[in-house]
Amino acid sequence: MKLLKNCISSHISVTNETLNNITNVFETVDLKKGEYFLKSGTVCKKMAFIESGYIRMFSIADGKEITLWIGSTGRFITSVASFVFQTSNFWNIQAITDCTLQTISREQHFTLCKQETKWLEFDNLLLAHSFALLEKNMFSQLHTTAQERYNLLIKEEPNLFKDVPLQYIASMIGVTPESLSRLRKNVS
């Protein structure tokens, strides 16, 4: 829980009492490698903070897995549209490694938003961060080369390459595993 508290307090100014009120509603969930946090076609009822491990968000198109995002320690993950609007979810969210998550239910989340204005403030930052990440990824896919995407990822997330299977990384940056091997040889 200390990592979750540090994450929240590093983004907003919050008293210890309020921080405890917020984190007390979270529940620890352990996922084994390969287990799902969420499956496509279902309605998302929880949001998770990744305390340890790696988890990926992916879809299946034409029989191929397409990785949208890989979450690591210190990040939040959920299907935003499904969580907020209670619509059918498009994504699978699956543990790549054994993971420990701190989860909050949708009901607890919205109750907390009403009770603790600091949680609402933090939630707004999470939402803004999600949109910014989506915008960055869309721009990157449209306006950068595969080599540039690889170089940026290895600079920003070097541990992914130690702990995550390369086929997931390749998919996330929009290349085949074979192309990723070539990109790794051409590091600039």
N, C-alpha and C. Protein backbone atom coordinates (compact mmCIF):
# COMPACT_ATOMS: atom_id res chain seq x y z
N MET A 1 0.82 -1.20 0.00
CA MET A 1 0.00 0.00 0.00
C MET A 1 0.86 1.27 0.00
N LYS A 2 2.10 1.12 0.46
CA LYS A 2 2.99 2.28 0.53
C LYS A 2 3.24 2.86 -0.86
N LEU A 3 3.40 2.01 -1.86
CA LEU A 3 3.64 2.47 -3.23
C LEU A 3 2.43 3.25 -3.76
N LEU A 4 1.23 2.78 -3.48
CA LEU A 4 0.01 3.49 -3.89
C LEU A 4 -0.06 4.85 -3.20
N LYS A 5 0.23 4.88 -1.91
CA LYS A 5 0.23 6.16 -1.18
C LYS A 5 1.25 7.13 -1.77
N ASN A 6 2.44 6.61 -2.08
CA ASN A 6 3.47 7.46 -2.67
C ASN A 6 3.04 7.99 -4.04
N CYS A 7 2.38 7.15 -4.82
CA CYS A 7 1.91 7.56 -6.14
C CYS A 7 0.91 8.71 -6.01
N ILE A 8 -0.05 8.56 -5.14
CA ILE A 8 -1.08 9.59 -4.96
C ILE A 8 -0.45 10.88 -4.44
N SER A 9 0.35 10.76 -3.38
CA SER A 9 0.91 11.97 -2.75
C SER A 9 1.96 12.65 -3.63
N SER A 10 2.52 11.95 -4.61
CA SER A 10 3.47 12.60 -5.51
C SER A 10 2.77 13.43 -6.59
N HIS A 11 1.46 13.23 -6.74
CA HIS A 11 0.71 13.96 -7.76
C HIS A 11 -0.21 15.05 -7.20
N ILE A 12 -0.63 14.87 -5.96
CA ILE A 12 -1.50 15.88 -5.34
C ILE A 12 -1.06 16.11 -3.90
N SER A 13 -1.39 17.27 -3.38
CA SER A 13 -1.13 17.57 -1.98
C SER A 13 -2.27 16.98 -1.16
N VAL A 14 -1.93 16.12 -0.21
CA VAL A 14 -2.95 15.40 0.53
C VAL A 14 -2.47 15.12 1.96
N THR A 15 -3.39 15.22 2.91
CA THR A 15 -3.04 14.92 4.31
C THR A 15 -2.94 13.40 4.50
N ASN A 16 -2.25 12.99 5.55
CA ASN A 16 -2.14 11.55 5.84
C ASN A 16 -3.50 10.94 6.12
N GLU A 17 -4.37 11.69 6.81
CA GLU A 17 -5.70 11.18 7.12
C GLU A 17 -6.50 10.92 5.83
N THR A 18 -6.48 11.87 4.92
CA THR A 18 -7.19 11.71 3.65
C THR A 18 -6.58 10.58 2.83
N LEU A 19 -5.27 10.51 2.83
CA LEU A 19 -4.59 9.45 2.10
C LEU A 19 -4.98 8.07 2.63
N ASN A 20 -5.07 7.95 3.94
CA ASN A 20 -5.51 6.68 4.54
C ASN A 20 -6.97 6.38 4.21
N ASN A 21 -7.82 7.41 4.21
CA ASN A 21 -9.23 7.22 3.84
C ASN A 21 -9.35 6.70 2.41
N ILE A 22 -8.50 7.20 1.54
CA ILE A 22 -8.53 6.78 0.14
C ILE A 22 -8.02 5.34 0.00
N THR A 23 -6.85 5.07 0.54
CA THR A 23 -6.23 3.76 0.31
C THR A 23 -6.91 2.64 1.08
N ASN A 24 -7.65 2.97 2.14
CA ASN A 24 -8.34 1.93 2.91
C ASN A 24 -9.43 1.22 2.12
N VAL A 25 -9.93 1.83 1.04
CA VAL A 25 -10.97 1.16 0.26
C VAL A 25 -10.39 0.24 -0.82
N PHE A 26 -9.08 0.28 -1.01
CA PHE A 26 -8.44 -0.59 -1.99
C PHE A 26 -8.27 -1.99 -1.42
N GLU A 27 -8.34 -2.97 -2.27
CA GLU A 27 -8.20 -4.38 -1.90
C GLU A 27 -7.02 -4.98 -2.66
N THR A 28 -6.20 -5.75 -1.97
CA THR A 28 -5.06 -6.41 -2.61
C THR A 28 -5.53 -7.65 -3.36
N VAL A 29 -5.11 -7.75 -4.62
CA VAL A 29 -5.43 -8.91 -5.46
C VAL A 29 -4.13 -9.40 -6.08
N ASP A 30 -3.88 -10.69 -5.96
CA ASP A 30 -2.71 -11.29 -6.61
C ASP A 30 -3.17 -12.01 -7.86
N LEU A 31 -2.48 -11.73 -8.97
CA LEU A 31 -2.73 -12.44 -10.23
C LEU A 31 -1.50 -13.25 -10.58
N LYS A 32 -1.70 -14.48 -10.94
CA LYS A 32 -0.59 -15.31 -11.43
C LYS A 32 -0.37 -15.00 -12.90
N LYS A 33 0.82 -15.25 -13.36
CA LYS A 33 1.15 -15.07 -14.77
C LYS A 33 0.09 -15.77 -15.63
N GLY A 34 -0.46 -15.04 -16.60
CA GLY A 34 -1.46 -15.59 -17.50
C GLY A 34 -2.89 -15.38 -17.07
N GLU A 35 -3.11 -15.03 -15.79
CA GLU A 35 -4.47 -14.79 -15.32
C GLU A 35 -4.98 -13.43 -15.83
N TYR A 36 -6.29 -13.36 -15.97
CA TYR A 36 -6.92 -12.15 -16.49
C TYR A 36 -7.46 -11.27 -15.37
N PHE A 37 -7.25 -9.98 -15.51
CA PHE A 37 -7.90 -8.98 -14.68
C PHE A 37 -9.25 -8.65 -15.31
N LEU A 38 -9.30 -8.68 -16.64
CA LEU A 38 -10.51 -8.34 -17.38
C LEU A 38 -10.47 -9.03 -18.74
N LYS A 39 -11.62 -9.53 -19.18
CA LYS A 39 -11.72 -10.14 -20.51
C LYS A 39 -12.61 -9.29 -21.41
N SER A 40 -12.29 -9.29 -22.70
CA SER A 40 -13.09 -8.53 -23.65
C SER A 40 -14.52 -9.07 -23.64
N GLY A 41 -15.46 -8.16 -23.92
CA GLY A 41 -16.87 -8.53 -23.95
C GLY A 41 -17.57 -8.46 -22.62
N THR A 42 -16.81 -8.26 -21.55
CA THR A 42 -17.41 -8.13 -20.21
C THR A 42 -17.45 -6.65 -19.83
N VAL A 43 -18.11 -6.36 -18.74
CA VAL A 43 -18.17 -4.98 -18.24
C VAL A 43 -17.13 -4.84 -17.13
N CYS A 44 -16.33 -3.79 -17.23
CA CYS A 44 -15.26 -3.55 -16.26
C CYS A 44 -15.83 -2.97 -14.97
N LYS A 45 -15.56 -3.63 -13.87
CA LYS A 45 -16.09 -3.19 -12.58
C LYS A 45 -15.01 -2.75 -11.60
N LYS A 46 -13.73 -2.81 -12.02
CA LYS A 46 -12.64 -2.44 -11.13
C LYS A 46 -11.55 -1.66 -11.87
N MET A 47 -10.83 -0.89 -11.09
CA MET A 47 -9.62 -0.22 -11.55
C MET A 47 -8.49 -0.75 -10.67
N ALA A 48 -7.30 -0.88 -11.24
CA ALA A 48 -6.19 -1.45 -10.47
C ALA A 48 -4.96 -0.56 -10.51
N PHE A 49 -4.27 -0.53 -9.39
CA PHE A 49 -2.94 0.05 -9.29
C PHE A 49 -1.97 -1.13 -9.25
N ILE A 50 -0.97 -1.11 -10.11
CA ILE A 50 -0.01 -2.22 -10.18
C ILE A 50 1.07 -2.01 -9.13
N GLU A 51 1.02 -2.84 -8.10
CA GLU A 51 2.00 -2.75 -7.02
C GLU A 51 3.29 -3.47 -7.41
N SER A 52 3.14 -4.57 -8.15
CA SER A 52 4.32 -5.26 -8.67
C SER A 52 3.91 -6.08 -9.88
N GLY A 53 4.86 -6.26 -10.79
CA GLY A 53 4.62 -7.08 -11.96
C GLY A 53 4.29 -6.28 -13.20
N TYR A 54 3.98 -7.04 -14.26
CA TYR A 54 3.64 -6.47 -15.56
C TYR A 54 2.31 -7.03 -16.02
N ILE A 55 1.50 -6.17 -16.60
CA ILE A 55 0.18 -6.55 -17.08
C ILE A 55 -0.03 -5.88 -18.43
N ARG A 56 -0.71 -6.57 -19.33
CA ARG A 56 -0.89 -5.99 -20.65
C ARG A 56 -2.36 -5.87 -21.03
N MET A 57 -2.61 -4.87 -21.85
CA MET A 57 -3.94 -4.63 -22.40
C MET A 57 -3.84 -4.98 -23.88
N PHE A 58 -4.67 -5.94 -24.32
CA PHE A 58 -4.58 -6.37 -25.71
C PHE A 58 -5.94 -6.76 -26.26
N SER A 59 -5.98 -6.85 -27.59
CA SER A 59 -7.17 -7.29 -28.29
C SER A 59 -6.75 -8.36 -29.29
N ILE A 60 -7.72 -9.06 -29.83
CA ILE A 60 -7.43 -10.05 -30.86
C ILE A 60 -8.14 -9.62 -32.13
N ALA A 61 -7.37 -9.44 -33.20
CA ALA A 61 -7.91 -9.05 -34.50
C ALA A 61 -7.38 -10.01 -35.55
N ASP A 62 -8.29 -10.59 -36.32
CA ASP A 62 -7.91 -11.56 -37.35
C ASP A 62 -7.03 -12.67 -36.79
N GLY A 63 -7.34 -13.10 -35.57
CA GLY A 63 -6.59 -14.19 -34.94
C GLY A 63 -5.25 -13.79 -34.36
N LYS A 64 -4.89 -12.50 -34.44
CA LYS A 64 -3.60 -12.04 -33.92
C LYS A 64 -3.82 -11.14 -32.71
N GLU A 65 -2.97 -11.34 -31.70
CA GLU A 65 -3.03 -10.48 -30.52
C GLU A 65 -2.34 -9.15 -30.82
N ILE A 66 -3.04 -8.07 -30.50
CA ILE A 66 -2.51 -6.72 -30.68
C ILE A 66 -2.40 -6.09 -29.30
N THR A 67 -1.18 -5.83 -28.85
CA THR A 67 -0.96 -5.23 -27.54
C THR A 67 -1.05 -3.72 -27.64
N LEU A 68 -1.99 -3.15 -26.89
CA LEU A 68 -2.15 -1.70 -26.86
C LEU A 68 -1.17 -1.07 -25.88
N TRP A 69 -1.04 -1.71 -24.71
CA TRP A 69 -0.26 -1.09 -23.64
C TRP A 69 0.22 -2.15 -22.68
N ILE A 70 1.39 -1.92 -22.11
CA ILE A 70 1.94 -2.78 -21.06
C ILE A 70 2.12 -1.92 -19.82
N GLY A 71 1.45 -2.32 -18.75
CA GLY A 71 1.53 -1.59 -17.49
C GLY A 71 2.55 -2.23 -16.57
N SER A 72 3.24 -1.39 -15.84
CA SER A 72 4.27 -1.86 -14.91
C SER A 72 4.03 -1.27 -13.53
N THR A 73 4.85 -1.67 -12.60
CA THR A 73 4.76 -1.22 -11.22
C THR A 73 4.58 0.30 -11.15
N GLY A 74 3.61 0.72 -10.34
CA GLY A 74 3.39 2.14 -10.14
C GLY A 74 2.38 2.77 -11.08
N ARG A 75 1.75 1.96 -11.93
CA ARG A 75 0.78 2.48 -12.90
C ARG A 75 -0.62 1.97 -12.57
N PHE A 76 -1.61 2.71 -13.04
CA PHE A 76 -3.01 2.29 -12.94
C PHE A 76 -3.43 1.66 -14.26
N ILE A 77 -4.38 0.73 -14.20
CA ILE A 77 -4.91 0.12 -15.40
C ILE A 77 -6.39 -0.20 -15.22
N THR A 78 -7.16 0.04 -16.27
CA THR A 78 -8.56 -0.32 -16.35
C THR A 78 -8.99 -0.11 -17.79
N SER A 79 -10.17 -0.52 -18.13
CA SER A 79 -10.79 -0.16 -19.41
C SER A 79 -11.65 1.07 -19.11
N VAL A 80 -11.14 2.25 -19.42
CA VAL A 80 -11.77 3.50 -18.97
C VAL A 80 -13.23 3.59 -19.41
N ALA A 81 -13.52 3.39 -20.69
CA ALA A 81 -14.89 3.54 -21.18
C ALA A 81 -15.83 2.55 -20.49
N SER A 82 -15.42 1.32 -20.38
CA SER A 82 -16.26 0.30 -19.75
C SER A 82 -16.43 0.59 -18.26
N PHE A 83 -15.38 1.00 -17.59
CA PHE A 83 -15.42 1.30 -16.16
C PHE A 83 -16.37 2.46 -15.86
N VAL A 84 -16.26 3.52 -16.65
CA VAL A 84 -17.06 4.72 -16.40
C VAL A 84 -18.51 4.54 -16.86
N PHE A 85 -18.69 4.05 -18.10
CA PHE A 85 -20.02 4.01 -18.69
C PHE A 85 -20.71 2.65 -18.60
N GLN A 86 -20.01 1.65 -18.04
CA GLN A 86 -20.55 0.30 -17.87
C GLN A 86 -21.01 -0.30 -19.19
N THR A 87 -20.20 -0.10 -20.22
CA THR A 87 -20.43 -0.69 -21.54
C THR A 87 -19.56 -1.93 -21.68
N SER A 88 -19.83 -2.69 -22.71
CA SER A 88 -19.03 -3.87 -22.99
C SER A 88 -17.60 -3.43 -23.30
N ASN A 89 -16.66 -4.12 -22.74
CA ASN A 89 -15.24 -3.81 -22.85
C ASN A 89 -14.63 -4.42 -24.11
N PHE A 90 -13.72 -3.70 -24.75
CA PHE A 90 -13.04 -4.19 -25.96
C PHE A 90 -11.78 -4.99 -25.65
N TRP A 91 -11.20 -4.79 -24.48
CA TRP A 91 -9.83 -5.25 -24.20
C TRP A 91 -9.77 -6.45 -23.27
N ASN A 92 -8.70 -7.19 -23.42
CA ASN A 92 -8.28 -8.19 -22.43
C ASN A 92 -7.18 -7.54 -21.62
N ILE A 93 -7.21 -7.72 -20.31
CA ILE A 93 -6.12 -7.25 -19.46
C ILE A 93 -5.62 -8.47 -18.70
N GLN A 94 -4.36 -8.83 -18.98
CA GLN A 94 -3.80 -10.10 -18.52
C GLN A 94 -2.43 -9.90 -17.90
N ALA A 95 -2.16 -10.66 -16.84
CA ALA A 95 -0.86 -10.60 -16.18
C ALA A 95 0.21 -11.25 -17.06
N ILE A 96 1.28 -10.53 -17.32
CA ILE A 96 2.43 -11.07 -18.06
C ILE A 96 3.33 -11.81 -17.09
N THR A 97 3.42 -11.30 -15.88
CA THR A 97 4.19 -11.92 -14.80
C THR A 97 3.24 -12.06 -13.61
N ASP A 98 3.68 -12.71 -12.56
CA ASP A 98 2.88 -12.67 -11.33
C ASP A 98 2.76 -11.20 -10.93
N CYS A 99 1.58 -10.78 -10.53
CA CYS A 99 1.32 -9.38 -10.20
C CYS A 99 0.61 -9.26 -8.86
N THR A 100 0.89 -8.17 -8.19
CA THR A 100 0.10 -7.76 -7.04
C THR A 100 -0.55 -6.44 -7.40
N LEU A 101 -1.87 -6.41 -7.28
CA LEU A 101 -2.64 -5.22 -7.64
C LEU A 101 -3.36 -4.69 -6.41
N GLN A 102 -3.55 -3.39 -6.38
CA GLN A 102 -4.43 -2.76 -5.40
C GLN A 102 -5.64 -2.33 -6.22
N THR A 103 -6.81 -2.91 -5.93
CA THR A 103 -7.99 -2.65 -6.75
C THR A 103 -9.04 -1.86 -5.99
N ILE A 104 -9.81 -1.12 -6.77
CA ILE A 104 -10.95 -0.39 -6.23
C ILE A 104 -12.13 -0.67 -7.15
N SER A 105 -13.27 -0.98 -6.56
CA SER A 105 -14.47 -1.24 -7.36
C SER A 105 -15.02 0.06 -7.91
N ARG A 106 -15.80 -0.05 -8.94
CA ARG A 106 -16.43 1.13 -9.55
C ARG A 106 -17.29 1.85 -8.51
N GLU A 107 -18.07 1.10 -7.76
CA GLU A 107 -18.94 1.69 -6.75
C GLU A 107 -18.13 2.44 -5.70
N GLN A 108 -17.07 1.81 -5.19
CA GLN A 108 -16.23 2.46 -4.19
C GLN A 108 -15.55 3.71 -4.77
N HIS A 109 -15.13 3.60 -6.03
CA HIS A 109 -14.46 4.71 -6.70
C HIS A 109 -15.36 5.95 -6.73
N PHE A 110 -16.60 5.77 -7.20
CA PHE A 110 -17.49 6.92 -7.32
C PHE A 110 -17.98 7.43 -5.97
N THR A 111 -18.11 6.56 -4.99
CA THR A 111 -18.43 6.99 -3.63
C THR A 111 -17.28 7.83 -3.09
N LEU A 112 -16.06 7.37 -3.32
CA LEU A 112 -14.88 8.09 -2.85
C LEU A 112 -14.76 9.46 -3.54
N CYS A 113 -15.12 9.52 -4.82
CA CYS A 113 -15.09 10.81 -5.53
C CYS A 113 -16.00 11.84 -4.85
N LYS A 114 -17.13 11.38 -4.31
CA LYS A 114 -18.07 12.27 -3.62
C LYS A 114 -17.60 12.62 -2.21
N GLN A 115 -16.94 11.67 -1.55
CA GLN A 115 -16.55 11.86 -0.15
C GLN A 115 -15.20 12.55 0.02
N GLU A 116 -14.29 12.31 -0.88
CA GLU A 116 -12.93 12.84 -0.75
C GLU A 116 -12.57 13.63 -2.01
N THR A 117 -12.61 14.95 -1.90
CA THR A 117 -12.32 15.78 -3.07
C THR A 117 -10.90 15.56 -3.60
N LYS A 118 -10.00 15.14 -2.73
CA LYS A 118 -8.63 14.87 -3.17
C LYS A 118 -8.58 13.65 -4.09
N TRP A 119 -9.45 12.66 -3.85
CA TRP A 119 -9.50 11.50 -4.74
C TRP A 119 -10.04 11.93 -6.11
N LEU A 120 -11.04 12.80 -6.11
CA LEU A 120 -11.58 13.32 -7.37
C LEU A 120 -10.50 14.08 -8.13
N GLU A 121 -9.72 14.87 -7.41
CA GLU A 121 -8.62 15.61 -8.03
C GLU A 121 -7.61 14.63 -8.66
N PHE A 122 -7.26 13.60 -7.91
CA PHE A 122 -6.32 12.60 -8.41
C PHE A 122 -6.92 11.85 -9.60
N ASP A 123 -8.19 11.48 -9.51
CA ASP A 123 -8.88 10.78 -10.59
C ASP A 123 -8.88 11.62 -11.87
N ASN A 124 -9.08 12.91 -11.74
CA ASN A 124 -9.04 13.79 -12.92
C ASN A 124 -7.66 13.77 -13.57
N LEU A 125 -6.62 13.73 -12.74
CA LEU A 125 -5.26 13.63 -13.27
C LEU A 125 -5.04 12.29 -13.98
N LEU A 126 -5.57 11.20 -13.41
CA LEU A 126 -5.45 9.89 -14.05
C LEU A 126 -6.12 9.89 -15.41
N LEU A 127 -7.31 10.46 -15.47
CA LEU A 127 -8.04 10.51 -16.73
C LEU A 127 -7.29 11.35 -17.76
N ALA A 128 -6.80 12.50 -17.34
CA ALA A 128 -6.02 13.35 -18.24
C ALA A 128 -4.77 12.64 -18.73
N HIS A 129 -4.12 11.91 -17.82
CA HIS A 129 -2.92 11.15 -18.20
C HIS A 129 -3.26 10.07 -19.22
N SER A 130 -4.40 9.42 -19.04
CA SER A 130 -4.83 8.38 -19.98
C SER A 130 -5.04 8.95 -21.38
N PHE A 131 -5.71 10.10 -21.45
CA PHE A 131 -5.92 10.73 -22.74
C PHE A 131 -4.61 11.20 -23.36
N ALA A 132 -3.73 11.74 -22.56
CA ALA A 132 -2.43 12.18 -23.06
C ALA A 132 -1.62 11.01 -23.60
N LEU A 133 -1.66 9.86 -22.91
CA LEU A 133 -0.95 8.68 -23.37
C LEU A 133 -1.54 8.17 -24.68
N LEU A 134 -2.86 8.16 -24.77
CA LEU A 134 -3.51 7.75 -26.01
C LEU A 134 -3.12 8.67 -27.16
N GLU A 135 -3.14 9.96 -26.91
CA GLU A 135 -2.77 10.94 -27.92
C GLU A 135 -1.31 10.75 -28.36
N LYS A 136 -0.44 10.54 -27.39
CA LYS A 136 0.99 10.32 -27.69
C LYS A 136 1.18 9.07 -28.54
N ASN A 137 0.48 7.99 -28.16
CA ASN A 137 0.62 6.74 -28.92
C ASN A 137 0.08 6.87 -30.33
N MET A 138 -1.05 7.57 -30.49
CA MET A 138 -1.61 7.77 -31.83
C MET A 138 -0.65 8.60 -32.69
N PHE A 139 -0.12 9.66 -32.12
CA PHE A 139 0.83 10.49 -32.85
C PHE A 139 2.06 9.67 -33.24
N SER A 140 2.54 8.89 -32.31
CA SER A 140 3.73 8.08 -32.54
C SER A 140 3.51 7.09 -33.68
N GLN A 141 2.37 6.42 -33.70
CA GLN A 141 2.08 5.45 -34.77
C GLN A 141 1.98 6.13 -36.13
N LEU A 142 1.48 7.37 -36.15
CA LEU A 142 1.28 8.08 -37.41
C LEU A 142 2.51 8.84 -37.91
N HIS A 143 3.35 9.29 -36.99
CA HIS A 143 4.40 10.24 -37.38
C HIS A 143 5.82 9.84 -37.02
N THR A 144 6.03 8.65 -36.52
CA THR A 144 7.40 8.23 -36.22
C THR A 144 7.66 6.88 -36.87
N THR A 145 8.92 6.61 -37.07
CA THR A 145 9.30 5.32 -37.63
C THR A 145 9.32 4.27 -36.52
N ALA A 146 9.33 3.03 -36.93
CA ALA A 146 9.42 1.94 -35.95
C ALA A 146 10.70 2.07 -35.13
N GLN A 147 11.78 2.47 -35.77
CA GLN A 147 13.05 2.63 -35.05
C GLN A 147 12.93 3.72 -33.99
N GLU A 148 12.27 4.82 -34.32
CA GLU A 148 12.08 5.90 -33.36
C GLU A 148 11.20 5.45 -32.19
N ARG A 149 10.15 4.68 -32.48
CA ARG A 149 9.28 4.17 -31.41
C ARG A 149 10.06 3.22 -30.50
N TYR A 150 10.87 2.36 -31.09
CA TYR A 150 11.70 1.43 -30.32
C TYR A 150 12.68 2.21 -29.43
N ASN A 151 13.38 3.18 -30.03
CA ASN A 151 14.37 3.96 -29.28
C ASN A 151 13.74 4.69 -28.10
N LEU A 152 12.56 5.25 -28.32
CA LEU A 152 11.87 5.97 -27.25
C LEU A 152 11.44 5.01 -26.14
N LEU A 153 10.92 3.84 -26.53
CA LEU A 153 10.48 2.87 -25.53
C LEU A 153 11.65 2.36 -24.69
N ILE A 154 12.77 2.06 -25.33
CA ILE A 154 13.92 1.55 -24.56
C ILE A 154 14.49 2.65 -23.65
N LYS A 155 14.34 3.90 -24.05
CA LYS A 155 14.79 5.01 -23.21
C LYS A 155 13.85 5.20 -22.02
N GLU A 156 12.53 5.15 -22.27
CA GLU A 156 11.55 5.41 -21.22
C GLU A 156 11.25 4.20 -20.33
N GLU A 157 11.32 3.00 -20.89
CA GLU A 157 10.95 1.78 -20.16
C GLU A 157 11.98 0.66 -20.38
N PRO A 158 13.23 0.86 -20.02
CA PRO A 158 14.25 -0.16 -20.32
C PRO A 158 13.98 -1.52 -19.67
N ASN A 159 13.31 -1.53 -18.52
CA ASN A 159 13.06 -2.80 -17.84
C ASN A 159 12.06 -3.69 -18.57
N LEU A 160 11.23 -3.09 -19.43
CA LEU A 160 10.31 -3.92 -20.22
C LEU A 160 11.08 -4.99 -20.99
N PHE A 161 12.23 -4.63 -21.49
CA PHE A 161 13.01 -5.53 -22.33
C PHE A 161 13.65 -6.67 -21.54
N LYS A 162 13.70 -6.52 -20.22
CA LYS A 162 14.24 -7.59 -19.37
C LYS A 162 13.15 -8.55 -18.92
N ASP A 163 11.92 -8.02 -18.73
CA ASP A 163 10.89 -8.78 -18.04
C ASP A 163 9.67 -9.16 -18.88
N VAL A 164 9.54 -8.61 -20.08
CA VAL A 164 8.35 -8.82 -20.90
C VAL A 164 8.73 -9.55 -22.19
N PRO A 165 7.97 -10.57 -22.58
CA PRO A 165 8.26 -11.25 -23.85
C PRO A 165 8.29 -10.26 -25.03
N LEU A 166 9.27 -10.44 -25.89
CA LEU A 166 9.49 -9.50 -26.98
C LEU A 166 8.32 -9.41 -27.96
N GLN A 167 7.53 -10.49 -28.10
CA GLN A 167 6.41 -10.41 -29.04
C GLN A 167 5.37 -9.39 -28.57
N TYR A 168 5.22 -9.19 -27.26
CA TYR A 168 4.28 -8.19 -26.76
C TYR A 168 4.81 -6.78 -27.01
N ILE A 169 6.11 -6.60 -26.83
CA ILE A 169 6.73 -5.30 -27.08
C ILE A 169 6.63 -4.96 -28.57
N ALA A 170 6.92 -5.95 -29.42
CA ALA A 170 6.84 -5.74 -30.86
C ALA A 170 5.43 -5.29 -31.25
N SER A 171 4.44 -5.99 -30.75
CA SER A 171 3.05 -5.65 -31.06
C SER A 171 2.71 -4.24 -30.58
N MET A 172 3.17 -3.88 -29.41
CA MET A 172 2.86 -2.58 -28.84
C MET A 172 3.43 -1.43 -29.69
N ILE A 173 4.61 -1.65 -30.29
CA ILE A 173 5.18 -0.58 -31.12
C ILE A 173 4.82 -0.75 -32.60
N GLY A 174 4.01 -1.78 -32.89
CA GLY A 174 3.47 -1.91 -34.24
C GLY A 174 4.37 -2.59 -35.25
N VAL A 175 5.17 -3.55 -34.78
CA VAL A 175 6.05 -4.29 -35.70
C VAL A 175 5.95 -5.79 -35.41
N THR A 176 6.49 -6.58 -36.31
CA THR A 176 6.56 -8.02 -36.08
C THR A 176 7.74 -8.33 -35.16
N PRO A 177 7.74 -9.49 -34.51
CA PRO A 177 8.90 -9.86 -33.69
C PRO A 177 10.21 -9.88 -34.50
N GLU A 178 10.14 -10.28 -35.75
CA GLU A 178 11.34 -10.29 -36.60
C GLU A 178 11.86 -8.88 -36.83
N SER A 179 10.92 -7.95 -37.07
CA SER A 179 11.32 -6.56 -37.26
C SER A 179 11.92 -5.98 -35.99
N LEU A 180 11.38 -6.38 -34.85
CA LEU A 180 11.92 -5.92 -33.58
C LEU A 180 13.37 -6.37 -33.42
N SER A 181 13.67 -7.58 -33.84
CA SER A 181 15.06 -8.07 -33.77
C SER A 181 15.98 -7.18 -34.59
N ARG A 182 15.52 -6.77 -35.77
CA ARG A 182 16.33 -5.87 -36.60
C ARG A 182 16.48 -4.50 -35.94
N LEU A 183 15.40 -4.00 -35.36
CA LEU A 183 15.46 -2.69 -34.70
C LEU A 183 16.45 -2.72 -33.53
N ARG A 184 16.48 -3.83 -32.81
CA ARG A 184 17.38 -3.94 -31.65
C ARG A 184 18.84 -3.90 -32.09
N LYS A 185 19.12 -4.36 -33.31
CA LYS A 185 20.50 -4.33 -33.83
C LYS A 185 20.90 -2.94 -34.29
N ASN A 186 19.88 -2.09 -34.59
CA ASN A 186 20.15 -0.75 -35.12
C ASN A 186 19.98 0.35 -34.09
N VAL A 187 20.23 0.06 -32.84
CA VAL A 187 20.04 1.06 -31.78
C VAL A 187 20.94 2.26 -32.06
N SER A 188 20.27 3.43 -32.00
CA SER A 188 21.07 4.65 -32.24
C SER A 188 21.40 5.37 -30.97
